[in-house]
Amino acid sequence: MLPFNKNLQPFARELRKNPTEAERQLWGKIRRKQLNGYQFYRQKNIGNFIVDFYCPAARLVIEVDGGQHYAVPGRAEDQKRDDHLADLGLTVIRFSDREIFQNMEGVLENILRFL
Protein backbone atom coordinates (compact mmCIF):
# COMPACT_ATOMS: atom_id res chain seq x y z
CA MET A 1 0.00 0.00 0.00
CA LEU A 2 1.28 3.43 -0.91
CA PRO A 3 1.70 6.04 1.82
CA PHE A 4 -0.63 9.02 1.79
CA ASN A 5 -1.20 12.18 3.74
CA LYS A 6 -4.80 12.22 4.92
CA ASN A 7 -4.61 16.00 5.31
CA LEU A 8 -4.45 16.27 1.51
CA GLN A 9 -7.79 14.51 0.97
CA PRO A 10 -9.88 17.73 0.87
CA PHE A 11 -7.44 19.25 -1.64
CA ALA A 12 -7.58 16.15 -3.84
CA ARG A 13 -11.38 16.24 -3.71
CA GLU A 14 -11.36 19.89 -4.76
CA LEU A 15 -8.99 19.15 -7.65
CA ARG A 16 -11.31 16.36 -8.83
CA LYS A 17 -14.21 18.82 -8.83
CA ASN A 18 -12.27 21.43 -10.84
CA PRO A 19 -10.02 19.75 -13.42
CA THR A 20 -8.17 21.69 -16.08
CA GLU A 21 -9.48 21.30 -19.62
CA ALA A 22 -6.49 19.12 -20.53
CA GLU A 23 -7.09 16.86 -17.51
CA ARG A 24 -10.78 16.64 -18.42
CA GLN A 25 -9.99 15.58 -21.98
CA LEU A 26 -7.44 12.95 -20.96
CA TRP A 27 -9.73 11.62 -18.24
CA GLY A 28 -12.43 11.16 -20.87
CA LYS A 29 -10.10 8.75 -22.71
CA ILE A 30 -8.72 6.71 -19.78
CA ARG A 31 -11.60 6.49 -17.29
CA ARG A 32 -13.74 3.39 -16.84
CA LYS A 33 -10.97 1.04 -17.98
CA GLN A 34 -11.15 2.35 -21.56
CA LEU A 35 -7.41 1.96 -22.08
CA ASN A 36 -6.76 -1.78 -22.43
CA GLY A 37 -8.83 -2.49 -19.32
CA TYR A 38 -6.55 -0.58 -16.93
CA GLN A 39 -8.13 1.26 -14.01
CA PHE A 40 -7.00 4.85 -13.47
CA TYR A 41 -7.72 7.18 -10.59
CA ARG A 42 -7.52 10.96 -10.81
CA GLN A 43 -6.10 13.39 -8.29
CA LYS A 44 -4.73 10.52 -6.22
CA ASN A 45 -3.07 11.26 -2.90
CA ILE A 46 0.35 9.54 -2.79
CA GLY A 47 2.74 10.43 0.00
CA ASN A 48 2.72 14.20 0.39
CA PHE A 49 1.67 14.74 -3.21
CA ILE A 50 -1.50 14.66 -5.26
CA VAL A 51 -0.84 13.15 -8.69
CA ASP A 52 -3.08 13.89 -11.67
CA PHE A 53 -3.69 10.25 -12.67
CA TYR A 54 -2.59 6.93 -11.20
CA CYS A 55 -2.83 3.36 -12.50
CA PRO A 56 -2.08 0.96 -9.63
CA ALA A 57 -1.76 -2.16 -11.81
CA ALA A 58 1.07 -0.55 -13.79
CA ARG A 59 2.36 1.61 -10.90
CA LEU A 60 2.12 4.48 -13.36
CA VAL A 61 1.63 8.16 -12.57
CA ILE A 62 0.55 10.53 -15.35
CA GLU A 63 1.04 14.26 -14.90
CA VAL A 64 -0.53 16.90 -17.14
CA ASP A 65 1.60 20.03 -17.04
CA GLY A 66 0.56 23.60 -17.71
CA GLY A 67 2.95 26.46 -18.36
CA GLN A 68 4.03 26.91 -14.73
CA HIS A 69 5.82 23.55 -14.87
CA TYR A 70 8.28 24.83 -17.47
CA ALA A 71 9.71 27.69 -15.42
CA VAL A 72 12.88 26.91 -13.45
CA PRO A 73 11.17 26.68 -10.01
CA GLY A 74 8.43 24.46 -11.44
CA ARG A 75 10.89 22.09 -13.05
CA ALA A 76 12.87 21.79 -9.82
CA GLU A 77 9.74 20.98 -7.81
CA ASP A 78 8.62 18.46 -10.43
CA GLN A 79 12.02 16.74 -10.33
CA LYS A 80 11.90 16.47 -6.53
CA ARG A 81 8.39 15.06 -6.73
CA ASP A 82 9.29 12.60 -9.52
CA ASP A 83 12.32 11.39 -7.56
CA HIS A 84 10.19 10.76 -4.48
CA LEU A 85 7.58 8.85 -6.49
CA ALA A 86 10.33 6.82 -8.18
CA ASP A 87 11.66 5.90 -4.74
CA LEU A 88 8.20 4.40 -4.11
CA GLY A 89 8.61 2.26 -7.22
CA LEU A 90 6.36 4.36 -9.44
CA THR A 91 6.95 5.46 -13.02
CA VAL A 92 6.06 9.08 -13.80
CA ILE A 93 5.28 10.30 -17.29
CA ARG A 94 4.44 13.90 -18.11
CA PHE A 95 2.50 15.52 -20.91
CA SER A 96 2.00 19.18 -21.62
CA ASP A 97 -1.46 20.65 -22.00
CA ARG A 98 -0.54 21.33 -25.61
CA GLU A 99 0.23 17.65 -26.26
CA ILE A 100 -3.18 16.68 -24.87
CA PHE A 101 -4.98 19.24 -27.06
CA GLN A 102 -3.02 18.66 -30.26
CA ASN A 103 -1.98 15.00 -30.19
CA MET A 104 -4.30 12.92 -27.99
CA GLU A 105 -3.67 9.76 -30.03
CA GLY A 106 0.09 10.14 -29.55
CA VAL A 107 -0.41 10.69 -25.82
CA LEU A 108 -2.54 7.55 -25.54
CA GLU A 109 0.00 5.52 -27.54
CA ASN A 110 2.74 6.73 -25.20
CA ILE A 111 0.71 5.76 -22.12
CA LEU A 112 0.09 2.31 -23.60
CA ARG A 113 3.86 1.72 -23.75
CA PHE A 114 3.95 1.85 -19.94
CA LEU A 115 0.95 -0.42 -19.31
C-alpha atoms as a PDB file:
ATOM      1  CA  MET A   1       0.000   0.000   0.000  1.00  0.00           C
ATOM      2  CA  LEU A   2       1.276   3.433  -0.908  1.00  0.00           C
ATOM      3  CA  PRO A   3       1.697   6.038   1.820  1.00  0.00           C
ATOM      4  CA  PHE A   4      -0.627   9.017   1.788  1.00  0.00           C
ATOM      5  CA  ASN A   5      -1.198  12.182   3.739  1.00  0.00           C
ATOM      6  CA  LYS A   6      -4.804  12.219   4.923  1.00  0.00           C
ATOM      7  CA  ASN A   7      -4.609  16.005   5.311  1.00  0.00           C
ATOM      8  CA  LEU A   8      -4.447  16.269   1.511  1.00  0.00           C
ATOM      9  CA  GLN A   9      -7.792  14.511   0.971  1.00  0.00           C
ATOM     10  CA  PRO A  10      -9.876  17.725   0.870  1.00  0.00           C
ATOM     11  CA  PHE A  11      -7.443  19.250  -1.642  1.00  0.00           C
ATOM     12  CA  ALA A  12      -7.584  16.148  -3.845  1.00  0.00           C
ATOM     13  CA  ARG A  13     -11.376  16.236  -3.712  1.00  0.00           C
ATOM     14  CA  GLU A  14     -11.362  19.888  -4.760  1.00  0.00           C
ATOM     15  CA  LEU A  15      -8.987  19.151  -7.645  1.00  0.00           C
ATOM     16  CA  ARG A  16     -11.309  16.361  -8.828  1.00  0.00           C
ATOM     17  CA  LYS A  17     -14.210  18.823  -8.826  1.00  0.00           C
ATOM     18  CA  ASN A  18     -12.268  21.429 -10.836  1.00  0.00           C
ATOM     19  CA  PRO A  19     -10.019  19.747 -13.420  1.00  0.00           C
ATOM     20  CA  THR A  20      -8.168  21.691 -16.078  1.00  0.00           C
ATOM     21  CA  GLU A  21      -9.478  21.303 -19.616  1.00  0.00           C
ATOM     22  CA  ALA A  22      -6.487  19.123 -20.533  1.00  0.00           C
ATOM     23  CA  GLU A  23      -7.094  16.862 -17.510  1.00  0.00           C
ATOM     24  CA  ARG A  24     -10.783  16.637 -18.415  1.00  0.00           C
ATOM     25  CA  GLN A  25      -9.987  15.585 -21.985  1.00  0.00           C
ATOM     26  CA  LEU A  26      -7.437  12.953 -20.962  1.00  0.00           C
ATOM     27  CA  TRP A  27      -9.731  11.615 -18.240  1.00  0.00           C
ATOM     28  CA  GLY A  28     -12.426  11.161 -20.867  1.00  0.00           C
ATOM     29  CA  LYS A  29     -10.101   8.751 -22.708  1.00  0.00           C
ATOM     30  CA  ILE A  30      -8.718   6.714 -19.785  1.00  0.00           C
ATOM     31  CA  ARG A  31     -11.596   6.494 -17.293  1.00  0.00           C
ATOM     32  CA  ARG A  32     -13.744   3.386 -16.838  1.00  0.00           C
ATOM     33  CA  LYS A  33     -10.974   1.040 -17.977  1.00  0.00           C
ATOM     34  CA  GLN A  34     -11.146   2.350 -21.557  1.00  0.00           C
ATOM     35  CA  LEU A  35      -7.409   1.961 -22.081  1.00  0.00           C
ATOM     36  CA  ASN A  36      -6.762  -1.782 -22.431  1.00  0.00           C
ATOM     37  CA  GLY A  37      -8.831  -2.491 -19.318  1.00  0.00           C
ATOM     38  CA  TYR A  38      -6.551  -0.580 -16.933  1.00  0.00           C
ATOM     39  CA  GLN A  39      -8.128   1.263 -14.011  1.00  0.00           C
ATOM     40  CA  PHE A  40      -7.005   4.849 -13.472  1.00  0.00           C
ATOM     41  CA  TYR A  41      -7.720   7.184 -10.588  1.00  0.00           C
ATOM     42  CA  ARG A  42      -7.518  10.956 -10.805  1.00  0.00           C
ATOM     43  CA  GLN A  43      -6.101  13.390  -8.293  1.00  0.00           C
ATOM     44  CA  LYS A  44      -4.732  10.515  -6.221  1.00  0.00           C
ATOM     45  CA  ASN A  45      -3.067  11.260  -2.902  1.00  0.00           C
ATOM     46  CA  ILE A  46       0.349   9.539  -2.789  1.00  0.00           C
ATOM     47  CA  GLY A  47       2.740  10.431   0.005  1.00  0.00           C
ATOM     48  CA  ASN A  48       2.725  14.197   0.387  1.00  0.00           C
ATOM     49  CA  PHE A  49       1.674  14.738  -3.214  1.00  0.00           C
ATOM     50  CA  ILE A  50      -1.497  14.660  -5.259  1.00  0.00           C
ATOM     51  CA  VAL A  51      -0.843  13.152  -8.690  1.00  0.00           C
ATOM     52  CA  ASP A  52      -3.077  13.885 -11.675  1.00  0.00           C
ATOM     53  CA  PHE A  53      -3.687  10.245 -12.666  1.00  0.00           C
ATOM     54  CA  TYR A  54      -2.593   6.928 -11.200  1.00  0.00           C
ATOM     55  CA  CYS A  55      -2.829   3.364 -12.496  1.00  0.00           C
ATOM     56  CA  PRO A  56      -2.082   0.964  -9.630  1.00  0.00           C
ATOM     57  CA  ALA A  57      -1.761  -2.160 -11.806  1.00  0.00           C
ATOM     58  CA  ALA A  58       1.070  -0.548 -13.794  1.00  0.00           C
ATOM     59  CA  ARG A  59       2.358   1.611 -10.899  1.00  0.00           C
ATOM     60  CA  LEU A  60       2.124   4.481 -13.358  1.00  0.00           C
ATOM     61  CA  VAL A  61       1.634   8.165 -12.574  1.00  0.00           C
ATOM     62  CA  ILE A  62       0.549  10.532 -15.346  1.00  0.00           C
ATOM     63  CA  GLU A  63       1.041  14.259 -14.898  1.00  0.00           C
ATOM     64  CA  VAL A  64      -0.530  16.897 -17.142  1.00  0.00           C
ATOM     65  CA  ASP A  65       1.595  20.029 -17.040  1.00  0.00           C
ATOM     66  CA  GLY A  66       0.557  23.603 -17.708  1.00  0.00           C
ATOM     67  CA  GLY A  67       2.952  26.460 -18.359  1.00  0.00           C
ATOM     68  CA  GLN A  68       4.027  26.906 -14.726  1.00  0.00           C
ATOM     69  CA  HIS A  69       5.816  23.554 -14.869  1.00  0.00           C
ATOM     70  CA  TYR A  70       8.284  24.826 -17.470  1.00  0.00           C
ATOM     71  CA  ALA A  71       9.711  27.695 -15.423  1.00  0.00           C
ATOM     72  CA  VAL A  72      12.878  26.908 -13.449  1.00  0.00           C
ATOM     73  CA  PRO A  73      11.167  26.678 -10.012  1.00  0.00           C
ATOM     74  CA  GLY A  74       8.425  24.461 -11.440  1.00  0.00           C
ATOM     75  CA  ARG A  75      10.892  22.087 -13.052  1.00  0.00           C
ATOM     76  CA  ALA A  76      12.873  21.793  -9.822  1.00  0.00           C
ATOM     77  CA  GLU A  77       9.744  20.975  -7.808  1.00  0.00           C
ATOM     78  CA  ASP A  78       8.622  18.462 -10.431  1.00  0.00           C
ATOM     79  CA  GLN A  79      12.017  16.737 -10.327  1.00  0.00           C
ATOM     80  CA  LYS A  80      11.896  16.474  -6.532  1.00  0.00           C
ATOM     81  CA  ARG A  81       8.391  15.061  -6.735  1.00  0.00           C
ATOM     82  CA  ASP A  82       9.285  12.602  -9.520  1.00  0.00           C
ATOM     83  CA  ASP A  83      12.318  11.392  -7.561  1.00  0.00           C
ATOM     84  CA  HIS A  84      10.187  10.757  -4.477  1.00  0.00           C
ATOM     85  CA  LEU A  85       7.579   8.854  -6.493  1.00  0.00           C
ATOM     86  CA  ALA A  86      10.327   6.824  -8.184  1.00  0.00           C
ATOM     87  CA  ASP A  87      11.655   5.904  -4.738  1.00  0.00           C
ATOM     88  CA  LEU A  88       8.196   4.404  -4.108  1.00  0.00           C
ATOM     89  CA  GLY A  89       8.607   2.257  -7.220  1.00  0.00           C
ATOM     90  CA  LEU A  90       6.355   4.363  -9.443  1.00  0.00           C
ATOM     91  CA  THR A  91       6.947   5.462 -13.017  1.00  0.00           C
ATOM     92  CA  VAL A  92       6.055   9.076 -13.796  1.00  0.00           C
ATOM     93  CA  ILE A  93       5.277  10.297 -17.292  1.00  0.00           C
ATOM     94  CA  ARG A  94       4.443  13.897 -18.114  1.00  0.00           C
ATOM     95  CA  PHE A  95       2.499  15.518 -20.914  1.00  0.00           C
ATOM     96  CA  SER A  96       2.001  19.183 -21.623  1.00  0.00           C
ATOM     97  CA  ASP A  97      -1.458  20.649 -22.002  1.00  0.00           C
ATOM     98  CA  ARG A  98      -0.542  21.329 -25.613  1.00  0.00           C
ATOM     99  CA  GLU A  99       0.225  17.648 -26.259  1.00  0.00           C
ATOM    100  CA  ILE A 100      -3.175  16.685 -24.870  1.00  0.00           C
ATOM    101  CA  PHE A 101      -4.985  19.236 -27.060  1.00  0.00           C
ATOM    102  CA  GLN A 102      -3.023  18.662 -30.258  1.00  0.00           C
ATOM    103  CA  ASN A 103      -1.981  15.004 -30.189  1.00  0.00           C
ATOM    104  CA  MET A 104      -4.295  12.925 -27.991  1.00  0.00           C
ATOM    105  CA  GLU A 105      -3.670   9.762 -30.030  1.00  0.00           C
ATOM    106  CA  GLY A 106       0.087  10.139 -29.552  1.00  0.00           C
ATOM    107  CA  VAL A 107      -0.412  10.690 -25.823  1.00  0.00           C
ATOM    108  CA  LEU A 108      -2.537   7.552 -25.538  1.00  0.00           C
ATOM    109  CA  GLU A 109       0.002   5.520 -27.537  1.00  0.00           C
ATOM    110  CA  ASN A 110       2.743   6.733 -25.202  1.00  0.00           C
ATOM    111  CA  ILE A 111       0.712   5.763 -22.119  1.00  0.00           C
ATOM    112  CA  LEU A 112       0.088   2.307 -23.597  1.00  0.00           C
ATOM    113  CA  ARG A 113       3.859   1.723 -23.747  1.00  0.00           C
ATOM    114  CA  PHE A 114       3.952   1.850 -19.945  1.00  0.00           C
ATOM    115  CA  LEU A 115       0.952  -0.417 -19.313  1.00  0.00           C
END
